[in-house]
N, C-alpha and C. Protein backbone atom coordinates (compact mmCIF):
# COMPACT_ATOMS: atom_id res chain seq x y z
N MET A 1 105.12 84.83 98.98
CA MET A 1 106.12 84.01 99.26
C MET A 1 104.47 83.07 98.68
N THR A 2 102.96 83.39 100.17
CA THR A 2 102.22 83.22 99.81
C THR A 2 101.44 83.05 98.41
N LEU A 3 101.65 84.11 97.33
CA LEU A 3 100.47 84.46 96.54
C LEU A 3 101.64 83.42 95.45
N ALA A 4 102.44 83.89 95.37
CA ALA A 4 103.07 82.53 94.56
C ALA A 4 103.28 81.11 94.63
N ALA A 5 102.84 80.47 95.72
CA ALA A 5 102.61 79.30 96.24
C ALA A 5 101.17 78.97 95.33
N ALA A 6 100.43 79.68 95.83
CA ALA A 6 98.96 79.04 95.60
C ALA A 6 97.99 81.05 94.74
N PRO A 7 98.64 81.21 94.13
CA PRO A 7 98.13 82.20 93.11
C PRO A 7 96.13 82.24 93.01
N GLU A 8 95.13 81.68 92.71
CA GLU A 8 93.93 81.01 92.43
C GLU A 8 93.65 80.13 93.41
N THR A 9 94.49 80.22 94.63
CA THR A 9 93.71 80.46 96.16
C THR A 9 94.36 81.34 97.23
N PHE A 10 94.66 81.93 96.63
CA PHE A 10 95.74 83.32 97.04
C PHE A 10 94.35 83.78 99.20
N GLU A 11 93.44 83.76 98.97
CA GLU A 11 93.18 83.61 100.13
C GLU A 11 93.11 82.45 100.90
N ALA A 12 92.91 81.76 100.87
CA ALA A 12 92.97 80.28 101.72
C ALA A 12 94.34 79.63 101.84
N ALA A 13 95.20 80.13 101.41
CA ALA A 13 96.45 79.83 101.53
C ALA A 13 97.01 81.47 102.23
N LEU A 14 96.52 82.30 102.56
CA LEU A 14 96.66 83.68 103.39
C LEU A 14 96.46 83.50 105.14
N SER A 15 95.25 82.44 104.94
CA SER A 15 94.45 82.64 106.08
C SER A 15 95.43 81.13 106.90
N ILE A 16 96.39 79.85 106.27
CA ILE A 16 96.47 79.51 106.33
C ILE A 16 98.00 79.79 107.23
N ASP A 17 98.82 80.55 106.50
CA ASP A 17 99.67 81.69 106.91
C ASP A 17 99.76 81.99 108.02
N THR A 18 98.49 82.57 107.89
CA THR A 18 98.53 83.55 109.32
C THR A 18 98.09 82.73 110.58
N LEU A 19 97.23 81.78 110.25
CA LEU A 19 96.80 80.53 111.35
C LEU A 19 98.46 80.43 112.12
N GLY A 20 99.68 79.99 111.27
CA GLY A 20 100.80 79.89 111.49
C GLY A 20 101.89 80.59 112.47
N TYR A 21 101.31 81.63 111.87
CA TYR A 21 101.90 82.78 113.10
C TYR A 21 101.27 82.71 114.05
N ARG A 22 99.71 83.00 114.05
CA ARG A 22 99.44 82.77 115.40
C ARG A 22 99.83 81.56 116.34
N ALA A 23 100.27 80.62 116.15
CA ALA A 23 100.56 79.59 116.76
C ALA A 23 101.82 79.19 117.21
N LEU A 24 102.75 79.89 116.02
CA LEU A 24 103.70 80.34 116.23
C LEU A 24 103.95 81.56 117.61
N PHE A 25 103.61 82.37 118.01
CA PHE A 25 103.34 83.39 119.00
C PHE A 25 103.02 83.32 120.21
N GLY A 26 101.79 82.42 119.87
CA GLY A 26 100.99 82.57 121.12
C GLY A 26 101.56 81.12 121.74
N GLY A 27 102.28 80.20 121.18
CA GLY A 27 103.44 79.05 121.86
C GLY A 27 104.29 79.45 122.55
N LEU A 28 105.13 80.81 121.35
CA LEU A 28 106.14 80.82 123.32
C LEU A 28 105.65 81.76 123.61
N PHE A 29 104.75 82.06 123.56
CA PHE A 29 104.43 83.11 125.08
C PHE A 29 103.71 81.98 125.90
N ALA A 30 102.72 81.35 125.64
CA ALA A 30 102.38 79.96 126.41
C ALA A 30 103.26 79.26 126.84
N ASP A 31 105.20 78.66 126.44
CA ASP A 31 105.66 78.11 127.03
C ASP A 31 106.48 78.94 127.50
N ASN A 32 106.98 79.86 127.20
CA ASN A 32 108.07 81.22 128.00
C ASN A 32 107.08 81.68 129.16
N LEU A 33 106.06 81.81 129.17
CA LEU A 33 104.80 83.12 130.26
C LEU A 33 103.97 82.27 130.75
N GLY A 34 103.61 81.35 130.03
CA GLY A 34 102.35 80.51 130.39
C GLY A 34 101.53 80.82 129.90
N VAL A 35 100.17 79.74 129.98
CA VAL A 35 98.68 80.25 128.71
C VAL A 35 98.09 81.49 128.80
N GLU A 36 98.30 81.76 130.19
CA GLU A 36 97.40 82.77 130.53
C GLU A 36 98.13 84.25 129.75
N SER A 37 99.21 84.05 129.72
CA SER A 37 100.30 85.16 128.70
C SER A 37 99.51 85.08 127.97
N ALA A 38 99.21 84.42 127.29
CA ALA A 38 98.62 83.65 125.89
C ALA A 38 97.36 84.74 125.58
N VAL A 39 97.09 84.40 126.49
CA VAL A 39 95.47 84.65 126.49
C VAL A 39 95.24 86.63 126.27
N TRP A 40 96.60 86.93 127.39
CA TRP A 40 96.12 88.15 127.14
C TRP A 40 96.94 88.93 126.23
N PHE A 41 97.72 88.62 125.43
CA PHE A 41 98.44 89.00 124.35
C PHE A 41 97.46 89.01 123.44
N GLY A 42 96.49 88.32 123.28
CA GLY A 42 95.42 88.15 122.31
C GLY A 42 94.34 88.97 122.76
N ALA A 43 93.90 89.45 124.18
CA ALA A 43 93.15 90.30 124.13
C ALA A 43 93.77 91.97 123.76
N ALA A 44 94.97 91.89 124.27
CA ALA A 44 95.80 93.42 124.43
C ALA A 44 95.93 93.80 122.62
N LEU A 45 95.81 92.72 121.60
CA LEU A 45 96.13 92.73 120.05
C LEU A 45 94.70 93.36 119.48
N ALA A 46 93.91 92.44 120.46
CA ALA A 46 92.15 93.29 119.47
C ALA A 46 92.01 93.83 120.42
N MET A 47 92.17 94.68 121.07
CA MET A 47 91.69 96.76 122.03
C MET A 47 92.83 96.74 121.17
N ALA A 48 93.91 96.95 120.44
CA ALA A 48 95.10 97.35 120.04
C ALA A 48 94.58 97.89 118.53
N SER A 49 93.67 96.89 117.91
CA SER A 49 93.07 96.55 117.20
C SER A 49 91.85 97.55 116.96
N LEU A 50 91.04 97.87 117.92
CA LEU A 50 89.89 98.32 117.78
C LEU A 50 89.83 99.81 117.60
N PRO A 51 91.18 100.82 117.72
CA PRO A 51 91.16 102.34 117.46
C PRO A 51 91.25 102.00 115.52
N VAL A 52 92.40 101.54 115.16
CA VAL A 52 92.96 101.28 114.28
C VAL A 52 91.75 100.77 113.14
N THR A 53 90.87 100.46 113.51
CA THR A 53 89.49 99.71 112.49
C THR A 53 88.15 100.50 112.62
N LEU A 54 88.46 101.41 113.93
CA LEU A 54 87.48 102.60 113.62
C LEU A 54 88.04 103.92 112.80
N GLY A 55 89.49 104.02 113.24
CA GLY A 55 90.18 105.28 112.53
C GLY A 55 89.88 105.42 110.57
N THR A 56 89.99 103.90 110.74
CA THR A 56 90.37 103.21 109.34
C THR A 56 88.61 102.79 108.27
N ARG A 57 87.75 103.19 108.96
CA ARG A 57 86.40 103.02 108.51
C ARG A 57 86.22 103.81 107.26
N ARG A 58 85.34 102.99 106.33
CA ARG A 58 85.34 104.03 104.78
C ARG A 58 83.75 104.61 105.74
N LYS A 59 84.05 105.87 105.23
CA LYS A 59 83.11 106.95 105.11
C LYS A 59 82.04 106.51 104.47
N THR A 60 80.51 106.57 104.61
CA THR A 60 79.43 106.18 103.46
C THR A 60 79.20 107.87 103.17
N ALA A 61 78.07 107.98 102.24
CA ALA A 61 77.75 108.99 101.66
C ALA A 61 76.70 109.50 102.34
N PRO A 62 77.01 110.87 102.72
CA PRO A 62 75.38 111.76 103.31
C PRO A 62 74.42 111.65 102.48
N ALA A 63 73.54 111.27 103.78
CA ALA A 63 71.92 110.79 103.19
C ALA A 63 71.47 112.02 102.04
N ALA A 64 70.74 112.08 101.04
CA ALA A 64 70.48 112.71 100.16
C ALA A 64 68.89 113.16 100.63
N SER A 65 68.85 114.66 100.69
CA SER A 65 67.79 115.80 101.06
C SER A 65 66.62 115.06 100.27
N ASP A 66 65.58 114.87 100.95
CA ASP A 66 64.09 114.58 99.93
C ASP A 66 64.28 115.31 98.67
N GLY A 67 63.70 115.24 97.70
CA GLY A 67 63.62 116.01 96.71
C GLY A 67 65.00 116.69 95.70
N ALA A 68 65.68 116.36 96.10
CA ALA A 68 67.07 117.19 95.68
C ALA A 68 67.86 116.43 94.98
N THR A 69 67.35 115.23 94.46
CA THR A 69 68.38 114.13 93.90
C THR A 69 66.96 113.29 93.09
N ARG A 70 65.90 113.44 93.25
CA ARG A 70 64.86 112.96 92.69
C ARG A 70 64.28 112.68 91.18
N MET A 71 64.11 111.79 90.46
CA MET A 71 63.96 111.85 89.28
C MET A 71 62.19 112.33 88.68
N PRO A 72 62.31 113.06 87.97
CA PRO A 72 60.57 113.41 87.83
C PRO A 72 60.44 112.04 87.29
N VAL A 73 58.99 112.06 87.34
CA VAL A 73 58.59 110.98 87.04
C VAL A 73 57.17 111.40 85.80
N GLY A 74 57.23 109.88 84.37
CA GLY A 74 56.82 111.10 83.79
C GLY A 74 56.65 110.84 82.86
């Protein structure tokens, strides 16, 4: 729905969409369990995302050894 609503500014529309969900869940936690619970929920989500982020990082290409990939000059 977000892509259909704003295909030319998809990134901006998606960030507004995400902000709405964060406000919704944060508000539910704050209303039902107190403001402190919303903070702890955010901290728990951040900690849960750390292993996912580290596990899905792009692997960099290994460094080339000296001379193995150098082009001759001349």
